């Protein structure tokens, strides 16, 4: 995979097609995990989320793809961003801001203001965590949002499963504290 990422960076034709065939199953699993907390019966399927994320990933021409972990970490982040962007657009519409609707405007996630606010609160807290500890934020994205196991997360990041467990414990406690403090404000 690292070789294919290098070939894409060098502009070799056909490398992107080879990469998508290689990673499609894993991207589908990540998309399913990103959507696991969404309302049952919404019309967005993991395939649509993969396609939107792939378009955004393909637009990352300036990214220096390092390896498998870097690629899948960014893919998980893109999928989360798509859902967050959609939640923001839905909230803006509900508040009459006239926001431009994303290409996924047909997606029917649970659009209650409480659920949309929750999605945005988690996103804001994760952005703050990224400022404090980028590795913990990446572990949260890969383990929680992308549904990767501790072992998969450890392998992708090149760290031990014990480190993932420890960092996950700190990160999830920090996020709980941040989100509970927000609800009391």
N, C-alpha and C. Protein backbone atom coordinates (compact mmCIF):
# COMPACT_ATOMS: atom_id res chain seq x y z
N UNK A 1 0.83 -1.19 0.00
CA UNK A 1 0.00 0.00 0.00
C UNK A 1 0.87 1.25 0.00
N UNK A 2 1.94 1.23 0.78
CA UNK A 2 2.85 2.38 0.81
C UNK A 2 3.43 2.64 -0.56
N UNK A 3 3.75 1.58 -1.29
CA UNK A 3 4.27 1.71 -2.65
C UNK A 3 3.24 2.36 -3.57
N UNK A 4 1.97 1.94 -3.45
CA UNK A 4 0.91 2.55 -4.28
C UNK A 4 0.73 4.02 -3.94
N UNK A 5 0.79 4.37 -2.66
CA UNK A 5 0.66 5.77 -2.26
C UNK A 5 1.81 6.60 -2.85
N UNK A 6 2.99 6.02 -2.87
CA UNK A 6 4.14 6.71 -3.47
C UNK A 6 3.91 6.88 -4.97
N UNK A 7 3.39 5.85 -5.63
CA UNK A 7 3.13 5.93 -7.08
C UNK A 7 2.08 6.99 -7.39
N UNK A 8 1.06 7.10 -6.53
CA UNK A 8 0.04 8.14 -6.73
C UNK A 8 0.69 9.51 -6.62
N UNK A 9 1.53 9.70 -5.59
CA UNK A 9 2.21 10.98 -5.39
C UNK A 9 3.07 11.32 -6.60
N UNK A 10 3.65 10.29 -7.23
CA UNK A 10 4.50 10.50 -8.40
C UNK A 10 3.68 10.67 -9.68
N UNK A 11 2.35 10.48 -9.59
CA UNK A 11 1.48 10.68 -10.73
C UNK A 11 1.38 9.52 -11.69
N UNK A 12 1.74 8.31 -11.26
CA UNK A 12 1.65 7.16 -12.15
C UNK A 12 0.20 6.81 -12.44
N UNK A 13 -0.10 6.62 -13.72
CA UNK A 13 -1.47 6.31 -14.09
C UNK A 13 -1.85 4.91 -13.61
N UNK A 14 -3.09 4.77 -13.20
CA UNK A 14 -3.61 3.49 -12.75
C UNK A 14 -3.36 3.19 -11.28
N UNK A 15 -2.51 3.96 -10.63
CA UNK A 15 -2.19 3.70 -9.22
C UNK A 15 -3.40 3.93 -8.32
N UNK A 16 -4.19 4.97 -8.61
CA UNK A 16 -5.38 5.24 -7.80
C UNK A 16 -6.38 4.09 -7.90
N UNK A 17 -6.57 3.56 -9.12
CA UNK A 17 -7.49 2.43 -9.30
C UNK A 17 -7.02 1.21 -8.51
N UNK A 18 -5.72 0.95 -8.54
CA UNK A 18 -5.18 -0.17 -7.78
C UNK A 18 -5.39 0.03 -6.29
N UNK A 19 -5.19 1.26 -5.83
CA UNK A 19 -5.35 1.55 -4.40
C UNK A 19 -6.79 1.35 -3.95
N UNK A 20 -7.74 1.85 -4.70
CA UNK A 20 -9.14 1.72 -4.28
C UNK A 20 -9.55 0.25 -4.23
N UNK A 21 -9.07 -0.55 -5.18
CA UNK A 21 -9.37 -1.99 -5.12
C UNK A 21 -8.77 -2.63 -3.87
N UNK A 22 -7.60 -2.18 -3.49
CA UNK A 22 -6.91 -2.73 -2.33
C UNK A 22 -7.57 -2.33 -1.01
N UNK A 23 -8.08 -1.10 -0.92
CA UNK A 23 -8.55 -0.58 0.38
C UNK A 23 -10.07 -0.51 0.51
N UNK A 24 -10.80 -0.83 -0.55
CA UNK A 24 -12.25 -0.62 -0.53
C UNK A 24 -12.94 -1.33 0.64
N UNK A 25 -12.60 -2.57 0.89
CA UNK A 25 -13.25 -3.33 1.97
C UNK A 25 -13.02 -2.65 3.33
N UNK A 26 -11.80 -2.22 3.57
CA UNK A 26 -11.48 -1.56 4.84
C UNK A 26 -12.20 -0.21 4.95
N UNK A 27 -12.26 0.54 3.85
CA UNK A 27 -13.00 1.81 3.85
C UNK A 27 -14.48 1.58 4.14
N UNK A 28 -15.03 0.52 3.60
CA UNK A 28 -16.44 0.20 3.84
C UNK A 28 -16.67 -0.11 5.33
N UNK A 29 -15.74 -0.82 5.95
CA UNK A 29 -15.85 -1.13 7.37
C UNK A 29 -15.77 0.15 8.21
N UNK A 30 -14.86 1.03 7.84
CA UNK A 30 -14.72 2.30 8.55
C UNK A 30 -15.99 3.13 8.39
N UNK A 31 -16.53 3.18 7.18
CA UNK A 31 -17.77 3.94 6.94
C UNK A 31 -18.92 3.38 7.78
N UNK A 32 -19.02 2.07 7.85
CA UNK A 32 -20.06 1.45 8.67
C UNK A 32 -19.91 1.82 10.13
N UNK A 33 -18.68 1.85 10.61
CA UNK A 33 -18.44 2.22 12.01
C UNK A 33 -18.76 3.69 12.25
N UNK A 34 -18.43 4.55 11.30
CA UNK A 34 -18.74 5.98 11.45
C UNK A 34 -20.24 6.22 11.55
N UNK A 35 -21.01 5.35 10.90
CA UNK A 35 -22.45 5.55 10.85
C UNK A 35 -23.21 4.72 11.87
N UNK A 36 -22.53 3.97 12.71
CA UNK A 36 -23.21 3.05 13.62
C UNK A 36 -24.15 3.74 14.60
N UNK A 37 -23.91 4.99 14.95
CA UNK A 37 -24.78 5.68 15.90
C UNK A 37 -25.87 6.50 15.23
N UNK A 38 -25.94 6.44 13.92
CA UNK A 38 -26.97 7.20 13.21
C UNK A 38 -28.32 6.50 13.34
N UNK A 39 -29.37 7.26 13.09
CA UNK A 39 -30.73 6.75 13.19
C UNK A 39 -30.95 5.60 12.23
N UNK A 40 -31.53 4.48 12.69
CA UNK A 40 -31.82 3.37 11.78
C UNK A 40 -32.76 3.82 10.66
N UNK A 41 -32.50 3.33 9.47
CA UNK A 41 -33.39 3.62 8.35
C UNK A 41 -33.02 4.85 7.55
N UNK A 42 -31.92 5.56 7.92
CA UNK A 42 -31.59 6.71 7.08
C UNK A 42 -31.09 6.21 5.74
N UNK A 43 -31.11 7.08 4.73
CA UNK A 43 -30.84 6.63 3.37
C UNK A 43 -29.36 6.59 3.00
N UNK A 44 -28.49 7.20 3.78
CA UNK A 44 -27.07 7.15 3.47
C UNK A 44 -26.52 5.78 3.82
N UNK A 45 -25.91 5.16 2.87
CA UNK A 45 -25.28 3.86 3.07
C UNK A 45 -23.77 4.06 3.15
N UNK A 46 -23.08 3.11 3.75
CA UNK A 46 -21.62 3.23 3.81
C UNK A 46 -20.99 3.48 2.44
N UNK A 47 -21.56 2.92 1.39
CA UNK A 47 -21.01 3.11 0.04
C UNK A 47 -21.00 4.58 -0.35
N UNK A 48 -22.09 5.30 -0.07
CA UNK A 48 -22.15 6.72 -0.40
C UNK A 48 -21.13 7.52 0.41
N UNK A 49 -20.97 7.15 1.68
CA UNK A 49 -20.00 7.82 2.52
C UNK A 49 -18.57 7.56 2.01
N UNK A 50 -18.30 6.34 1.58
CA UNK A 50 -16.99 5.99 1.01
C UNK A 50 -16.72 6.84 -0.22
N UNK A 51 -17.70 6.96 -1.10
CA UNK A 51 -17.51 7.69 -2.35
C UNK A 51 -17.24 9.17 -2.08
N UNK A 52 -17.99 9.76 -1.16
CA UNK A 52 -17.77 11.16 -0.81
C UNK A 52 -16.39 11.34 -0.18
N UNK A 53 -16.01 10.43 0.71
CA UNK A 53 -14.69 10.50 1.34
C UNK A 53 -13.59 10.32 0.29
N UNK A 54 -13.79 9.38 -0.63
CA UNK A 54 -12.78 9.15 -1.67
C UNK A 54 -12.57 10.40 -2.51
N UNK A 55 -13.67 11.09 -2.84
CA UNK A 55 -13.54 12.34 -3.60
C UNK A 55 -12.70 13.35 -2.84
N UNK A 56 -12.92 13.45 -1.53
CA UNK A 56 -12.14 14.38 -0.72
C UNK A 56 -10.69 13.92 -0.58
N UNK A 57 -10.49 12.62 -0.45
CA UNK A 57 -9.13 12.10 -0.35
C UNK A 57 -8.37 12.33 -1.66
N UNK A 58 -9.04 12.11 -2.78
CA UNK A 58 -8.40 12.29 -4.09
C UNK A 58 -8.02 13.75 -4.30
N UNK A 59 -8.75 14.66 -3.64
CA UNK A 59 -8.49 16.08 -3.76
C UNK A 59 -7.31 16.51 -2.87
N UNK A 60 -6.74 15.60 -2.15
CA UNK A 60 -5.62 15.90 -1.25
C UNK A 60 -4.29 15.75 -1.98
N UNK A 61 -4.15 16.43 -3.10
CA UNK A 61 -2.96 16.27 -3.93
C UNK A 61 -1.69 16.73 -3.23
N UNK A 62 -1.81 17.59 -2.24
CA UNK A 62 -0.63 18.09 -1.54
C UNK A 62 -0.21 17.21 -0.37
N UNK A 63 -0.99 16.18 -0.08
CA UNK A 63 -0.69 15.31 1.06
C UNK A 63 0.48 14.40 0.70
N UNK A 64 1.44 14.31 1.58
CA UNK A 64 2.56 13.38 1.42
C UNK A 64 2.16 12.09 2.14
N UNK A 65 1.52 11.18 1.44
CA UNK A 65 1.08 9.93 2.05
C UNK A 65 2.30 9.18 2.57
N UNK A 66 2.30 8.94 3.88
CA UNK A 66 3.45 8.25 4.49
C UNK A 66 3.28 6.74 4.44
N UNK A 67 2.10 6.27 4.84
CA UNK A 67 1.92 4.84 4.97
C UNK A 67 0.44 4.52 5.14
N UNK A 68 0.17 3.25 5.41
CA UNK A 68 -1.20 2.75 5.59
C UNK A 68 -1.92 3.48 6.73
N UNK A 69 -1.25 3.66 7.85
CA UNK A 69 -1.86 4.31 9.01
C UNK A 69 -2.26 5.74 8.68
N UNK A 70 -1.39 6.45 7.99
CA UNK A 70 -1.68 7.83 7.60
C UNK A 70 -2.90 7.89 6.69
N UNK A 71 -2.94 6.99 5.72
CA UNK A 71 -4.07 6.95 4.78
C UNK A 71 -5.39 6.66 5.49
N UNK A 72 -5.43 5.56 6.29
CA UNK A 72 -6.67 5.19 6.95
C UNK A 72 -7.06 6.19 8.03
N UNK A 73 -6.09 6.79 8.69
CA UNK A 73 -6.39 7.84 9.67
C UNK A 73 -7.08 9.02 9.01
N UNK A 74 -6.55 9.43 7.86
CA UNK A 74 -7.16 10.54 7.14
C UNK A 74 -8.52 10.15 6.57
N UNK A 75 -8.67 8.91 6.13
CA UNK A 75 -9.96 8.44 5.61
C UNK A 75 -11.02 8.49 6.71
N UNK A 76 -10.68 8.03 7.90
CA UNK A 76 -11.62 8.06 9.02
C UNK A 76 -11.98 9.50 9.36
N UNK A 77 -10.99 10.39 9.34
CA UNK A 77 -11.24 11.80 9.63
C UNK A 77 -12.15 12.41 8.58
N UNK A 78 -11.93 12.07 7.31
CA UNK A 78 -12.78 12.61 6.22
C UNK A 78 -14.23 12.16 6.40
N UNK A 79 -14.42 10.89 6.73
CA UNK A 79 -15.80 10.40 6.91
C UNK A 79 -16.48 11.09 8.07
N UNK A 80 -15.75 11.29 9.15
CA UNK A 80 -16.32 12.01 10.30
C UNK A 80 -16.64 13.45 9.89
N UNK A 81 -15.76 14.09 9.14
CA UNK A 81 -15.99 15.48 8.70
C UNK A 81 -17.25 15.57 7.83
N UNK A 82 -17.46 14.58 6.97
CA UNK A 82 -18.65 14.60 6.12
C UNK A 82 -19.91 14.59 6.97
N UNK A 83 -19.94 13.72 7.99
CA UNK A 83 -21.11 13.66 8.87
C UNK A 83 -21.26 14.95 9.68
N UNK A 84 -20.15 15.51 10.15
CA UNK A 84 -20.20 16.76 10.92
C UNK A 84 -20.66 17.91 10.01
N UNK A 85 -20.11 17.99 8.81
CA UNK A 85 -20.53 19.04 7.88
C UNK A 85 -22.02 18.95 7.59
N UNK A 86 -22.49 17.73 7.44
CA UNK A 86 -23.92 17.56 7.18
C UNK A 86 -24.75 18.02 8.39
N UNK A 87 -24.30 17.67 9.58
CA UNK A 87 -25.01 18.09 10.79
C UNK A 87 -25.04 19.61 10.89
N UNK A 88 -23.92 20.26 10.59
CA UNK A 88 -23.87 21.73 10.63
C UNK A 88 -24.86 22.33 9.62
N UNK A 89 -24.87 21.77 8.42
CA UNK A 89 -25.78 22.28 7.40
C UNK A 89 -27.23 22.11 7.82
N UNK A 90 -27.55 20.95 8.42
CA UNK A 90 -28.93 20.71 8.87
C UNK A 90 -29.31 21.68 9.98
N UNK A 91 -28.40 21.93 10.93
CA UNK A 91 -28.68 22.89 11.99
C UNK A 91 -28.84 24.29 11.43
N UNK A 92 -27.99 24.66 10.48
CA UNK A 92 -28.10 25.98 9.89
C UNK A 92 -29.43 26.14 9.17
N UNK A 93 -29.87 25.12 8.47
CA UNK A 93 -31.16 25.17 7.80
C UNK A 93 -32.28 25.31 8.82
N UNK A 94 -32.20 24.57 9.91
CA UNK A 94 -33.24 24.64 10.93
C UNK A 94 -33.28 26.02 11.57
N UNK A 95 -32.11 26.68 11.61
CA UNK A 95 -32.04 28.01 12.22
C UNK A 95 -32.22 29.12 11.18
N UNK A 96 -32.45 28.73 9.94
CA UNK A 96 -32.73 29.71 8.90
C UNK A 96 -31.52 30.43 8.35
N UNK A 97 -30.35 29.85 8.46
CA UNK A 97 -29.15 30.53 8.01
C UNK A 97 -28.96 30.42 6.50
N UNK A 98 -29.70 29.56 5.84
CA UNK A 98 -29.57 29.41 4.40
C UNK A 98 -28.24 28.84 3.97
N UNK A 99 -27.69 27.95 4.75
CA UNK A 99 -26.39 27.35 4.44
C UNK A 99 -26.47 26.53 3.15
N UNK A 100 -25.36 26.47 2.44
CA UNK A 100 -25.28 25.66 1.24
C UNK A 100 -25.31 24.20 1.66
N UNK A 101 -26.13 23.42 0.99
CA UNK A 101 -26.29 22.01 1.32
C UNK A 101 -25.20 21.21 0.64
N UNK A 102 -24.62 20.27 1.37
CA UNK A 102 -23.58 19.39 0.81
C UNK A 102 -24.17 18.48 -0.25
N UNK A 103 -23.30 17.79 -0.93
CA UNK A 103 -23.76 16.85 -1.94
C UNK A 103 -24.54 15.70 -1.33
N UNK A 104 -24.49 15.56 -0.01
CA UNK A 104 -25.23 14.50 0.68
C UNK A 104 -26.54 15.04 1.27
N UNK A 105 -27.13 16.04 0.64
CA UNK A 105 -28.32 16.66 1.22
C UNK A 105 -29.50 15.71 1.33
N UNK A 106 -29.44 14.58 0.67
CA UNK A 106 -30.52 13.59 0.73
C UNK A 106 -30.37 12.66 1.91
N UNK A 107 -29.29 12.80 2.65
CA UNK A 107 -29.06 11.94 3.81
C UNK A 107 -30.04 12.32 4.92
N UNK A 108 -30.65 11.32 5.51
CA UNK A 108 -31.59 11.58 6.59
C UNK A 108 -31.05 11.01 7.89
N UNK A 109 -30.06 11.70 8.49
CA UNK A 109 -29.60 11.26 9.79
C UNK A 109 -30.58 11.81 10.81
N UNK A 110 -30.48 11.34 12.02
CA UNK A 110 -31.32 11.86 13.09
C UNK A 110 -31.04 13.35 13.17
N UNK A 111 -31.99 14.16 12.74
CA UNK A 111 -31.73 15.59 12.63
C UNK A 111 -32.38 16.40 13.74
N UNK A 112 -32.66 15.77 14.86
CA UNK A 112 -33.17 16.55 15.97
C UNK A 112 -32.06 17.50 16.40
N UNK A 113 -32.42 18.73 16.82
CA UNK A 113 -31.39 19.67 17.23
C UNK A 113 -30.47 19.11 18.31
N UNK A 114 -31.02 18.30 19.21
CA UNK A 114 -30.20 17.72 20.28
C UNK A 114 -29.13 16.79 19.70
N UNK A 115 -29.50 15.93 18.75
CA UNK A 115 -28.54 15.00 18.15
C UNK A 115 -27.49 15.76 17.34
N UNK A 116 -27.91 16.76 16.57
CA UNK A 116 -26.98 17.53 15.77
C UNK A 116 -26.02 18.31 16.66
N UNK A 117 -26.53 18.90 17.74
CA UNK A 117 -25.67 19.60 18.70
C UNK A 117 -24.66 18.64 19.32
N UNK A 118 -25.10 17.42 19.60
CA UNK A 118 -24.20 16.41 20.17
C UNK A 118 -23.07 16.08 19.21
N UNK A 119 -23.37 15.91 17.93
CA UNK A 119 -22.35 15.62 16.92
C UNK A 119 -21.33 16.75 16.88
N UNK A 120 -21.82 17.98 16.88
CA UNK A 120 -20.93 19.13 16.82
C UNK A 120 -20.11 19.28 18.09
N UNK A 121 -20.71 18.99 19.25
CA UNK A 121 -19.98 19.08 20.52
C UNK A 121 -18.83 18.07 20.55
N UNK A 122 -19.08 16.85 20.09
CA UNK A 122 -18.01 15.84 20.06
C UNK A 122 -16.92 16.30 19.10
N UNK A 123 -17.29 16.84 17.96
CA UNK A 123 -16.32 17.31 16.99
C UNK A 123 -15.46 18.44 17.58
N UNK A 124 -16.08 19.38 18.27
CA UNK A 124 -15.33 20.49 18.87
C UNK A 124 -14.40 19.98 19.97
N UNK A 125 -14.88 19.06 20.79
CA UNK A 125 -14.05 18.50 21.86
C UNK A 125 -12.86 17.75 21.25
N UNK A 126 -13.10 17.00 20.18
CA UNK A 126 -12.02 16.26 19.54
C UNK A 126 -10.98 17.22 18.94
N UNK A 127 -11.44 18.34 18.42
CA UNK A 127 -10.50 19.34 17.89
C UNK A 127 -9.62 19.90 19.03
N UNK A 128 -10.21 20.13 20.19
CA UNK A 128 -9.43 20.60 21.34
C UNK A 128 -8.44 19.53 21.79
N UNK A 129 -8.87 18.27 21.80
CA UNK A 129 -7.98 17.17 22.17
C UNK A 129 -6.81 17.09 21.20
N UNK A 130 -7.07 17.30 19.91
CA UNK A 130 -6.02 17.24 18.89
C UNK A 130 -4.94 18.29 19.19
N UNK A 131 -5.35 19.44 19.73
CA UNK A 131 -4.38 20.48 20.08
C UNK A 131 -3.51 20.03 21.26
N UNK A 132 -4.11 19.31 22.20
CA UNK A 132 -3.39 18.86 23.39
C UNK A 132 -2.55 17.62 23.13
N UNK A 133 -3.13 16.66 22.39
CA UNK A 133 -2.44 15.39 22.17
C UNK A 133 -2.92 14.78 20.85
N UNK A 134 -2.22 15.06 19.76
CA UNK A 134 -2.64 14.57 18.44
C UNK A 134 -2.78 13.04 18.37
N UNK A 135 -1.91 12.32 19.06
CA UNK A 135 -1.99 10.86 19.02
C UNK A 135 -3.27 10.36 19.67
N UNK A 136 -3.64 10.94 20.81
CA UNK A 136 -4.89 10.53 21.46
C UNK A 136 -6.08 10.84 20.56
N UNK A 137 -6.08 11.98 19.90
CA UNK A 137 -7.18 12.31 18.99
C UNK A 137 -7.25 11.32 17.84
N UNK A 138 -6.10 10.92 17.33
CA UNK A 138 -6.07 9.94 16.25
C UNK A 138 -6.57 8.59 16.72
N UNK A 139 -6.23 8.21 17.94
CA UNK A 139 -6.70 6.95 18.50
C UNK A 139 -8.22 6.98 18.64
N UNK A 140 -8.78 8.10 19.10
CA UNK A 140 -10.24 8.22 19.21
C UNK A 140 -10.88 8.08 17.85
N UNK A 141 -10.33 8.76 16.84
CA UNK A 141 -10.91 8.66 15.50
C UNK A 141 -10.87 7.23 14.96
N UNK A 142 -9.74 6.59 15.12
CA UNK A 142 -9.59 5.25 14.55
C UNK A 142 -10.37 4.20 15.35
N UNK A 143 -10.29 4.29 16.67
CA UNK A 143 -10.90 3.27 17.52
C UNK A 143 -12.41 3.48 17.67
N UNK A 144 -12.82 4.71 17.96
CA UNK A 144 -14.24 4.95 18.21
C UNK A 144 -15.00 5.23 16.92
N UNK A 145 -14.55 6.23 16.17
CA UNK A 145 -15.30 6.63 14.99
C UNK A 145 -15.16 5.63 13.84
N UNK A 146 -13.95 5.09 13.64
CA UNK A 146 -13.75 4.17 12.53
C UNK A 146 -13.96 2.72 12.93
N UNK A 147 -14.15 2.46 14.22
CA UNK A 147 -14.46 1.11 14.68
C UNK A 147 -13.30 0.14 14.59
N UNK A 148 -12.08 0.65 14.50
CA UNK A 148 -10.93 -0.24 14.46
C UNK A 148 -10.69 -0.82 15.84
N UNK A 149 -10.27 -2.06 15.90
CA UNK A 149 -9.98 -2.69 17.19
C UNK A 149 -8.71 -2.07 17.77
N UNK A 150 -8.46 -2.37 19.03
CA UNK A 150 -7.23 -1.88 19.67
C UNK A 150 -6.02 -2.38 18.89
N UNK A 151 -6.05 -3.66 18.51
CA UNK A 151 -4.93 -4.24 17.77
C UNK A 151 -4.75 -3.55 16.41
N UNK A 152 -5.86 -3.34 15.68
CA UNK A 152 -5.77 -2.68 14.38
C UNK A 152 -5.26 -1.25 14.52
N UNK A 153 -5.75 -0.55 15.54
CA UNK A 153 -5.31 0.82 15.78
C UNK A 153 -3.81 0.84 16.09
N UNK A 154 -3.38 -0.08 16.95
CA UNK A 154 -1.96 -0.16 17.30
C UNK A 154 -1.10 -0.43 16.07
N UNK A 155 -1.53 -1.39 15.25
CA UNK A 155 -0.77 -1.72 14.04
C UNK A 155 -0.73 -0.54 13.08
N UNK A 156 -1.86 0.13 12.92
CA UNK A 156 -1.91 1.26 11.99
C UNK A 156 -1.02 2.41 12.45
N UNK A 157 -0.93 2.61 13.75
CA UNK A 157 -0.14 3.73 14.29
C UNK A 157 1.30 3.32 14.62
N UNK A 158 1.58 2.03 14.56
CA UNK A 158 2.93 1.57 14.87
C UNK A 158 3.28 1.68 16.35
N UNK A 159 2.27 1.46 17.20
CA UNK A 159 2.48 1.50 18.65
C UNK A 159 1.93 0.21 19.24
N UNK A 160 2.16 -0.02 20.51
CA UNK A 160 1.71 -1.26 21.14
C UNK A 160 0.23 -1.18 21.51
N UNK A 161 -0.44 -2.32 21.57
CA UNK A 161 -1.84 -2.33 22.03
C UNK A 161 -1.98 -1.75 23.44
N UNK A 162 -1.00 -1.99 24.30
CA UNK A 162 -1.05 -1.41 25.66
C UNK A 162 -1.06 0.11 25.61
N UNK A 163 -0.26 0.67 24.71
CA UNK A 163 -0.24 2.13 24.55
C UNK A 163 -1.59 2.63 24.07
N UNK A 164 -2.19 1.93 23.11
CA UNK A 164 -3.52 2.31 22.62
C UNK A 164 -4.52 2.26 23.78
N UNK A 165 -4.50 1.17 24.55
CA UNK A 165 -5.42 1.06 25.69
C UNK A 165 -5.24 2.22 26.67
N UNK A 166 -4.00 2.50 27.01
CA UNK A 166 -3.71 3.57 27.97
C UNK A 166 -4.15 4.93 27.41
N UNK A 167 -3.77 5.22 26.18
CA UNK A 167 -4.13 6.51 25.57
C UNK A 167 -5.64 6.63 25.38
N UNK A 168 -6.29 5.53 25.02
CA UNK A 168 -7.74 5.50 24.87
C UNK A 168 -8.40 5.84 26.20
N UNK A 169 -7.91 5.26 27.29
CA UNK A 169 -8.49 5.51 28.62
C UNK A 169 -8.38 7.00 28.97
N UNK A 170 -7.21 7.58 28.75
CA UNK A 170 -7.03 9.01 29.03
C UNK A 170 -7.92 9.87 28.13
N UNK A 171 -7.91 9.57 26.84
CA UNK A 171 -8.66 10.37 25.88
C UNK A 171 -10.16 10.30 26.13
N UNK A 172 -10.68 9.10 26.37
CA UNK A 172 -12.12 8.97 26.58
C UNK A 172 -12.54 9.64 27.89
N UNK A 173 -11.70 9.56 28.93
CA UNK A 173 -12.01 10.25 30.19
C UNK A 173 -12.00 11.76 29.97
N UNK A 174 -11.03 12.26 29.22
CA UNK A 174 -10.94 13.68 28.95
C UNK A 174 -12.16 14.15 28.15
N UNK A 175 -12.53 13.37 27.13
CA UNK A 175 -13.70 13.74 26.33
C UNK A 175 -14.98 13.74 27.16
N UNK A 176 -15.15 12.73 28.02
CA UNK A 176 -16.33 12.68 28.89
C UNK A 176 -16.40 13.92 29.77
N UNK A 177 -15.25 14.29 30.34
CA UNK A 177 -15.21 15.48 31.20
C UNK A 177 -15.56 16.74 30.40
N UNK A 178 -14.99 16.86 29.23
CA UNK A 178 -15.26 18.03 28.38
C UNK A 178 -16.74 18.11 28.00
N UNK A 179 -17.31 16.98 27.62
CA UNK A 179 -18.70 16.98 27.17
C UNK A 179 -19.66 17.14 28.34
N UNK A 180 -19.34 16.62 29.49
CA UNK A 180 -20.24 16.79 30.64
C UNK A 180 -20.16 18.22 31.13
N UNK A 181 -19.00 18.86 31.06
CA UNK A 181 -18.87 20.26 31.44
C UNK A 181 -19.65 21.17 30.51
N UNK A 182 -19.73 20.78 29.24
CA UNK A 182 -20.48 21.55 28.25
C UNK A 182 -21.97 21.49 28.54
N UNK A 183 -22.45 20.32 28.94
CA UNK A 183 -23.89 20.17 29.17
C UNK A 183 -24.34 20.91 30.42
N UNK A 184 -23.39 21.19 31.35
CA UNK A 184 -23.74 21.92 32.56
C UNK A 184 -23.67 23.41 32.35
N UNK A 185 -23.02 23.84 31.29
CA UNK A 185 -22.85 25.27 31.04
C UNK A 185 -24.12 25.90 30.54
